[in-house]
Amino acid sequence: MRAISLKQPWAWAIFHGKPIENRNWGSSHRGPLLIHASMSFDKDGWLWLAGHQDLLTAPLNNSSWYPRGALVGQVNMVGCVKAHPSPFFFGEHGFVFERPIEFSQPIPYKGKLGIFYVPDHLVPIEA
């Protein structure tokens, strides 16, 4: 299955109200996509989310709470757009996600740049 790495807390936000991921590159991928939380934490992103709590379906936590270096869930990627009405859209390209499923337990895994392959046997049944 394919996957993409996001910094925290953006990876968490995908499962709590953020329907789009910003990138400076486009993709033709459509269909299931695993969300990998990278080892990095975006402090400015956390501050932006803190100022926009009304867009989220759950409260933010402190920076050490978010899983990192792990597969944290799955979405269905339905498009790659250059414009989107979501207040989460900042980018040159936006990957539009639907049906987010957050895993009950993070799966430790090393991420990569771009969209990358994860062996199917590592993906839980719940996905």
N, C-alpha and C. Protein backbone atom coordinates (compact mmCIF):
# COMPACT_ATOMS: atom_id res chain seq x y z
N MET A 1 0.84 -1.17 0.00
CA MET A 1 0.00 0.00 0.00
C MET A 1 0.89 1.24 0.00
N ARG A 2 0.40 2.31 -0.56
CA ARG A 2 1.15 3.57 -0.62
C ARG A 2 0.95 4.37 0.67
N ALA A 3 1.93 5.23 0.96
CA ALA A 3 1.89 6.05 2.18
C ALA A 3 2.52 7.41 1.90
N ILE A 4 2.23 8.36 2.78
CA ILE A 4 2.84 9.68 2.72
C ILE A 4 3.16 10.12 4.15
N SER A 5 4.30 10.76 4.34
CA SER A 5 4.70 11.26 5.66
C SER A 5 4.25 12.70 5.83
N LEU A 6 3.75 12.99 7.02
CA LEU A 6 3.36 14.33 7.41
C LEU A 6 4.00 14.62 8.76
N LYS A 7 4.40 15.86 8.97
CA LYS A 7 4.87 16.26 10.29
C LYS A 7 3.68 16.27 11.25
N GLN A 8 3.97 16.06 12.51
CA GLN A 8 2.96 16.27 13.53
C GLN A 8 2.91 17.76 13.85
N PRO A 9 1.79 18.35 14.20
CA PRO A 9 0.50 17.73 14.44
C PRO A 9 -0.38 17.61 13.20
N TRP A 10 0.18 17.86 12.01
CA TRP A 10 -0.63 17.78 10.79
C TRP A 10 -1.13 16.37 10.52
N ALA A 11 -0.32 15.35 10.80
CA ALA A 11 -0.78 13.97 10.60
C ALA A 11 -2.00 13.70 11.48
N TRP A 12 -1.93 14.13 12.74
CA TRP A 12 -3.06 13.98 13.67
C TRP A 12 -4.29 14.73 13.16
N ALA A 13 -4.07 15.94 12.64
CA ALA A 13 -5.18 16.78 12.19
C ALA A 13 -5.96 16.16 11.03
N ILE A 14 -5.32 15.32 10.23
CA ILE A 14 -6.02 14.64 9.13
C ILE A 14 -7.20 13.84 9.68
N PHE A 15 -7.08 13.32 10.87
CA PHE A 15 -8.14 12.49 11.46
C PHE A 15 -9.07 13.29 12.35
N HIS A 16 -8.83 14.60 12.43
CA HIS A 16 -9.61 15.45 13.32
C HIS A 16 -10.03 16.75 12.65
N GLY A 17 -10.40 16.66 11.37
CA GLY A 17 -11.00 17.80 10.70
C GLY A 17 -10.26 18.39 9.52
N LYS A 18 -9.03 17.98 9.27
CA LYS A 18 -8.24 18.53 8.14
C LYS A 18 -8.42 17.64 6.91
N PRO A 19 -9.14 18.13 5.88
CA PRO A 19 -9.44 17.27 4.73
C PRO A 19 -8.42 17.31 3.59
N ILE A 20 -7.35 18.06 3.75
CA ILE A 20 -6.43 18.29 2.63
C ILE A 20 -5.00 18.41 3.15
N GLU A 21 -4.06 17.93 2.36
CA GLU A 21 -2.64 18.04 2.71
C GLU A 21 -1.95 18.88 1.64
N ASN A 22 -1.20 19.87 2.06
CA ASN A 22 -0.52 20.79 1.16
C ASN A 22 0.85 20.27 0.74
N ARG A 23 1.13 20.38 -0.54
CA ARG A 23 2.43 19.98 -1.09
C ARG A 23 2.83 20.95 -2.18
N ASN A 24 4.12 21.01 -2.48
CA ASN A 24 4.58 21.84 -3.60
C ASN A 24 4.75 20.99 -4.86
N TRP A 25 4.25 19.78 -4.82
CA TRP A 25 4.29 18.86 -5.97
C TRP A 25 2.94 18.16 -6.08
N GLY A 26 2.57 17.82 -7.29
CA GLY A 26 1.31 17.14 -7.54
C GLY A 26 1.47 15.63 -7.55
N SER A 27 0.34 14.94 -7.59
CA SER A 27 0.35 13.48 -7.64
C SER A 27 -0.87 12.98 -8.40
N SER A 28 -0.68 11.91 -9.13
CA SER A 28 -1.80 11.27 -9.82
C SER A 28 -2.39 10.14 -8.98
N HIS A 29 -1.83 9.90 -7.80
CA HIS A 29 -2.33 8.81 -6.94
C HIS A 29 -3.78 9.08 -6.56
N ARG A 30 -4.60 8.03 -6.62
CA ARG A 30 -5.97 8.06 -6.12
C ARG A 30 -6.19 6.73 -5.43
N GLY A 31 -6.95 6.76 -4.35
CA GLY A 31 -7.27 5.54 -3.64
C GLY A 31 -6.68 5.53 -2.24
N PRO A 32 -6.60 4.34 -1.62
CA PRO A 32 -6.12 4.23 -0.24
C PRO A 32 -4.70 4.78 -0.10
N LEU A 33 -4.48 5.45 1.02
CA LEU A 33 -3.17 6.03 1.29
C LEU A 33 -2.95 6.02 2.80
N LEU A 34 -1.86 5.42 3.23
CA LEU A 34 -1.51 5.42 4.65
C LEU A 34 -0.93 6.77 5.04
N ILE A 35 -1.23 7.20 6.26
CA ILE A 35 -0.66 8.42 6.79
C ILE A 35 0.44 8.04 7.78
N HIS A 36 1.64 8.52 7.49
CA HIS A 36 2.80 8.27 8.33
C HIS A 36 3.14 9.58 9.05
N ALA A 37 3.30 9.51 10.36
CA ALA A 37 3.74 10.66 11.14
C ALA A 37 5.26 10.65 11.18
N SER A 38 5.85 11.70 10.63
CA SER A 38 7.32 11.76 10.60
C SER A 38 7.87 12.03 11.99
N MET A 39 9.17 12.04 12.11
CA MET A 39 9.81 12.31 13.40
C MET A 39 9.78 13.80 13.73
N SER A 40 9.46 14.63 12.76
CA SER A 40 9.47 16.08 12.96
C SER A 40 8.17 16.59 13.55
N PHE A 41 8.28 17.70 14.26
CA PHE A 41 7.11 18.38 14.81
C PHE A 41 7.13 19.83 14.33
N ASP A 42 6.01 20.29 13.82
CA ASP A 42 5.88 21.63 13.29
C ASP A 42 5.29 22.56 14.36
N LYS A 43 6.16 23.28 15.07
CA LYS A 43 5.71 24.17 16.15
C LYS A 43 4.82 25.28 15.62
N ASP A 44 5.19 25.85 14.47
CA ASP A 44 4.35 26.89 13.89
C ASP A 44 2.99 26.33 13.47
N GLY A 45 2.98 25.11 12.96
CA GLY A 45 1.72 24.46 12.61
C GLY A 45 0.84 24.23 13.83
N TRP A 46 1.46 23.83 14.95
CA TRP A 46 0.70 23.64 16.18
C TRP A 46 0.08 24.96 16.62
N LEU A 47 0.84 26.05 16.52
CA LEU A 47 0.31 27.37 16.88
C LEU A 47 -0.84 27.78 15.96
N TRP A 48 -0.72 27.47 14.67
CA TRP A 48 -1.81 27.78 13.74
C TRP A 48 -3.05 27.00 14.12
N LEU A 49 -2.89 25.71 14.39
CA LEU A 49 -4.03 24.89 14.80
C LEU A 49 -4.62 25.37 16.11
N ALA A 50 -3.78 25.79 17.04
CA ALA A 50 -4.28 26.30 18.32
C ALA A 50 -5.16 27.53 18.12
N GLY A 51 -4.84 28.33 17.12
CA GLY A 51 -5.65 29.50 16.81
C GLY A 51 -6.88 29.20 15.98
N HIS A 52 -7.02 27.96 15.54
CA HIS A 52 -8.14 27.55 14.71
C HIS A 52 -8.80 26.28 15.25
N GLN A 53 -8.88 26.19 16.56
CA GLN A 53 -9.48 25.01 17.22
C GLN A 53 -10.88 24.72 16.71
N ASP A 54 -11.60 25.77 16.29
CA ASP A 54 -12.97 25.58 15.81
C ASP A 54 -13.04 24.73 14.54
N LEU A 55 -11.93 24.54 13.86
CA LEU A 55 -11.89 23.71 12.65
C LEU A 55 -11.65 22.24 12.97
N LEU A 56 -11.30 21.97 14.22
CA LEU A 56 -10.92 20.61 14.62
C LEU A 56 -12.04 19.91 15.37
N THR A 57 -12.04 18.59 15.31
CA THR A 57 -13.05 17.79 16.01
C THR A 57 -12.56 17.28 17.36
N ALA A 58 -11.33 17.61 17.73
CA ALA A 58 -10.75 17.20 19.01
C ALA A 58 -9.76 18.26 19.45
N PRO A 59 -9.53 18.40 20.76
CA PRO A 59 -8.58 19.41 21.24
C PRO A 59 -7.13 19.01 20.97
N LEU A 60 -6.29 20.01 20.78
CA LEU A 60 -4.85 19.78 20.63
C LEU A 60 -4.26 19.30 21.94
N ASN A 61 -3.14 18.60 21.84
CA ASN A 61 -2.39 18.15 23.01
C ASN A 61 -1.02 18.82 22.99
N ASN A 62 -0.22 18.58 24.03
CA ASN A 62 1.13 19.14 24.01
C ASN A 62 1.98 18.36 23.01
N SER A 63 3.07 18.95 22.58
CA SER A 63 3.86 18.40 21.47
C SER A 63 4.38 16.99 21.71
N SER A 64 4.64 16.60 22.94
CA SER A 64 5.19 15.27 23.20
C SER A 64 4.14 14.16 23.11
N TRP A 65 2.88 14.50 23.03
CA TRP A 65 1.79 13.52 23.00
C TRP A 65 1.66 12.82 21.64
N TYR A 66 2.02 13.49 20.56
CA TYR A 66 1.76 12.99 19.21
C TYR A 66 2.73 11.89 18.80
N PRO A 67 2.20 10.77 18.29
CA PRO A 67 3.11 9.70 17.82
C PRO A 67 3.96 10.20 16.66
N ARG A 68 5.18 9.72 16.62
CA ARG A 68 6.11 10.10 15.54
C ARG A 68 6.86 8.86 15.09
N GLY A 69 7.27 8.88 13.82
CA GLY A 69 7.98 7.74 13.27
C GLY A 69 7.10 6.51 13.18
N ALA A 70 5.82 6.72 12.77
CA ALA A 70 4.87 5.61 12.76
C ALA A 70 3.75 5.85 11.75
N LEU A 71 3.18 4.74 11.29
CA LEU A 71 1.95 4.80 10.51
C LEU A 71 0.82 5.02 11.50
N VAL A 72 -0.01 6.03 11.25
CA VAL A 72 -1.04 6.38 12.22
C VAL A 72 -2.46 6.23 11.71
N GLY A 73 -2.63 5.98 10.42
CA GLY A 73 -3.98 5.80 9.90
C GLY A 73 -3.99 5.72 8.38
N GLN A 74 -5.21 5.75 7.86
CA GLN A 74 -5.40 5.62 6.42
C GLN A 74 -6.49 6.57 5.97
N VAL A 75 -6.36 7.05 4.74
CA VAL A 75 -7.37 7.89 4.09
C VAL A 75 -7.61 7.36 2.68
N ASN A 76 -8.59 7.94 2.04
CA ASN A 76 -8.80 7.70 0.62
C ASN A 76 -8.46 9.01 -0.08
N MET A 77 -7.44 9.00 -0.93
CA MET A 77 -7.07 10.21 -1.67
C MET A 77 -7.93 10.29 -2.91
N VAL A 78 -8.72 11.37 -3.00
CA VAL A 78 -9.69 11.50 -4.09
C VAL A 78 -9.31 12.57 -5.11
N GLY A 79 -8.25 13.32 -4.84
CA GLY A 79 -7.87 14.33 -5.81
C GLY A 79 -6.60 15.06 -5.43
N CYS A 80 -6.08 15.78 -6.43
CA CYS A 80 -4.95 16.68 -6.25
C CYS A 80 -5.37 17.98 -6.92
N VAL A 81 -5.51 19.05 -6.14
CA VAL A 81 -6.07 20.30 -6.64
C VAL A 81 -5.10 21.46 -6.48
N LYS A 82 -5.36 22.53 -7.24
CA LYS A 82 -4.55 23.75 -7.13
C LYS A 82 -5.34 24.86 -6.45
N ALA A 83 -6.60 24.59 -6.10
CA ALA A 83 -7.43 25.53 -5.35
C ALA A 83 -8.42 24.70 -4.55
N HIS A 84 -8.77 25.20 -3.35
CA HIS A 84 -9.71 24.48 -2.50
C HIS A 84 -10.27 25.46 -1.47
N PRO A 85 -11.56 25.34 -1.14
CA PRO A 85 -12.16 26.28 -0.18
C PRO A 85 -11.77 26.05 1.28
N SER A 86 -11.15 24.94 1.59
CA SER A 86 -10.80 24.64 2.98
C SER A 86 -9.81 25.66 3.54
N PRO A 87 -10.03 26.12 4.77
CA PRO A 87 -9.04 27.02 5.39
C PRO A 87 -7.70 26.32 5.64
N PHE A 88 -7.66 25.00 5.51
CA PHE A 88 -6.41 24.25 5.65
C PHE A 88 -5.57 24.28 4.37
N PHE A 89 -6.14 24.77 3.27
CA PHE A 89 -5.40 24.79 2.00
C PHE A 89 -4.49 26.00 1.94
N PHE A 90 -3.18 25.74 1.88
CA PHE A 90 -2.17 26.79 1.79
C PHE A 90 -1.29 26.59 0.56
N GLY A 91 -1.39 25.45 -0.05
CA GLY A 91 -0.31 25.03 -0.92
C GLY A 91 -0.47 25.28 -2.38
N GLU A 92 0.60 24.98 -3.03
CA GLU A 92 0.59 24.98 -4.49
C GLU A 92 -0.32 23.84 -4.98
N HIS A 93 -0.24 22.69 -4.29
CA HIS A 93 -1.10 21.54 -4.58
C HIS A 93 -1.72 21.06 -3.28
N GLY A 94 -2.95 20.59 -3.37
CA GLY A 94 -3.61 20.02 -2.21
C GLY A 94 -4.07 18.61 -2.50
N PHE A 95 -3.67 17.68 -1.65
CA PHE A 95 -4.13 16.30 -1.76
C PHE A 95 -5.41 16.20 -0.95
N VAL A 96 -6.51 15.90 -1.62
CA VAL A 96 -7.81 15.87 -0.97
C VAL A 96 -8.09 14.46 -0.44
N PHE A 97 -8.41 14.40 0.85
CA PHE A 97 -8.62 13.13 1.53
C PHE A 97 -10.07 12.98 1.98
N GLU A 98 -10.54 11.75 1.95
CA GLU A 98 -11.86 11.39 2.49
C GLU A 98 -11.70 10.14 3.34
N ARG A 99 -12.70 9.87 4.14
CA ARG A 99 -12.81 8.66 4.97
C ARG A 99 -11.55 8.37 5.80
N PRO A 100 -11.12 9.32 6.62
CA PRO A 100 -9.95 9.06 7.46
C PRO A 100 -10.25 8.02 8.54
N ILE A 101 -9.34 7.08 8.69
CA ILE A 101 -9.43 6.05 9.73
C ILE A 101 -8.14 6.11 10.53
N GLU A 102 -8.24 6.52 11.77
CA GLU A 102 -7.06 6.57 12.64
C GLU A 102 -6.85 5.20 13.27
N PHE A 103 -5.63 4.68 13.22
CA PHE A 103 -5.34 3.38 13.82
C PHE A 103 -5.44 3.47 15.34
N SER A 104 -5.87 2.38 15.96
CA SER A 104 -5.97 2.36 17.42
C SER A 104 -4.58 2.40 18.07
N GLN A 105 -3.58 1.89 17.36
CA GLN A 105 -2.19 1.93 17.84
C GLN A 105 -1.28 2.32 16.67
N PRO A 106 -0.37 3.28 16.88
CA PRO A 106 0.60 3.60 15.83
C PRO A 106 1.48 2.39 15.51
N ILE A 107 1.89 2.29 14.26
CA ILE A 107 2.76 1.21 13.82
C ILE A 107 4.13 1.81 13.50
N PRO A 108 5.14 1.55 14.32
CA PRO A 108 6.46 2.12 14.05
C PRO A 108 6.92 1.78 12.63
N TYR A 109 7.37 2.81 11.92
CA TYR A 109 7.80 2.62 10.55
C TYR A 109 8.61 3.84 10.12
N LYS A 110 9.67 3.60 9.37
CA LYS A 110 10.49 4.70 8.88
C LYS A 110 9.84 5.28 7.62
N GLY A 111 9.62 6.58 7.62
CA GLY A 111 9.01 7.24 6.48
C GLY A 111 10.03 7.57 5.40
N LYS A 112 9.52 8.09 4.30
CA LYS A 112 10.35 8.50 3.18
C LYS A 112 9.74 9.75 2.56
N LEU A 113 10.47 10.36 1.65
CA LEU A 113 9.93 11.50 0.92
C LEU A 113 8.98 11.01 -0.16
N GLY A 114 8.05 11.86 -0.55
CA GLY A 114 7.11 11.53 -1.61
C GLY A 114 6.09 10.51 -1.15
N ILE A 115 5.45 9.89 -2.11
CA ILE A 115 4.53 8.79 -1.81
C ILE A 115 5.34 7.52 -1.93
N PHE A 116 5.31 6.70 -0.89
CA PHE A 116 6.18 5.53 -0.84
C PHE A 116 5.37 4.27 -0.53
N TYR A 117 5.99 3.14 -0.75
CA TYR A 117 5.34 1.84 -0.59
C TYR A 117 5.58 1.28 0.81
N VAL A 118 4.50 0.72 1.40
CA VAL A 118 4.58 0.01 2.68
C VAL A 118 4.02 -1.40 2.42
N PRO A 119 4.73 -2.45 2.81
CA PRO A 119 4.23 -3.81 2.59
C PRO A 119 2.83 -4.01 3.21
N ASP A 120 1.94 -4.64 2.47
CA ASP A 120 0.55 -4.83 2.91
C ASP A 120 0.43 -5.56 4.23
N HIS A 121 1.34 -6.48 4.53
CA HIS A 121 1.21 -7.26 5.77
C HIS A 121 1.39 -6.39 7.02
N LEU A 122 1.90 -5.17 6.86
CA LEU A 122 2.06 -4.28 8.01
C LEU A 122 0.81 -3.47 8.32
N VAL A 123 -0.15 -3.48 7.40
CA VAL A 123 -1.35 -2.68 7.57
C VAL A 123 -2.39 -3.46 8.37
N PRO A 124 -2.91 -2.84 9.43
CA PRO A 124 -3.87 -3.58 10.28
C PRO A 124 -5.19 -3.86 9.57
N ILE A 125 -5.89 -4.86 10.06
CA ILE A 125 -7.19 -5.25 9.51
C ILE A 125 -8.16 -4.07 9.52
N GLU A 126 -8.09 -3.20 10.56
CA GLU A 126 -9.03 -2.10 10.69
C GLU A 126 -8.96 -1.13 9.52
N ALA A 127 -7.85 -1.12 8.78
CA ALA A 127 -7.73 -0.23 7.64
C ALA A 127 -8.56 -0.74 6.49
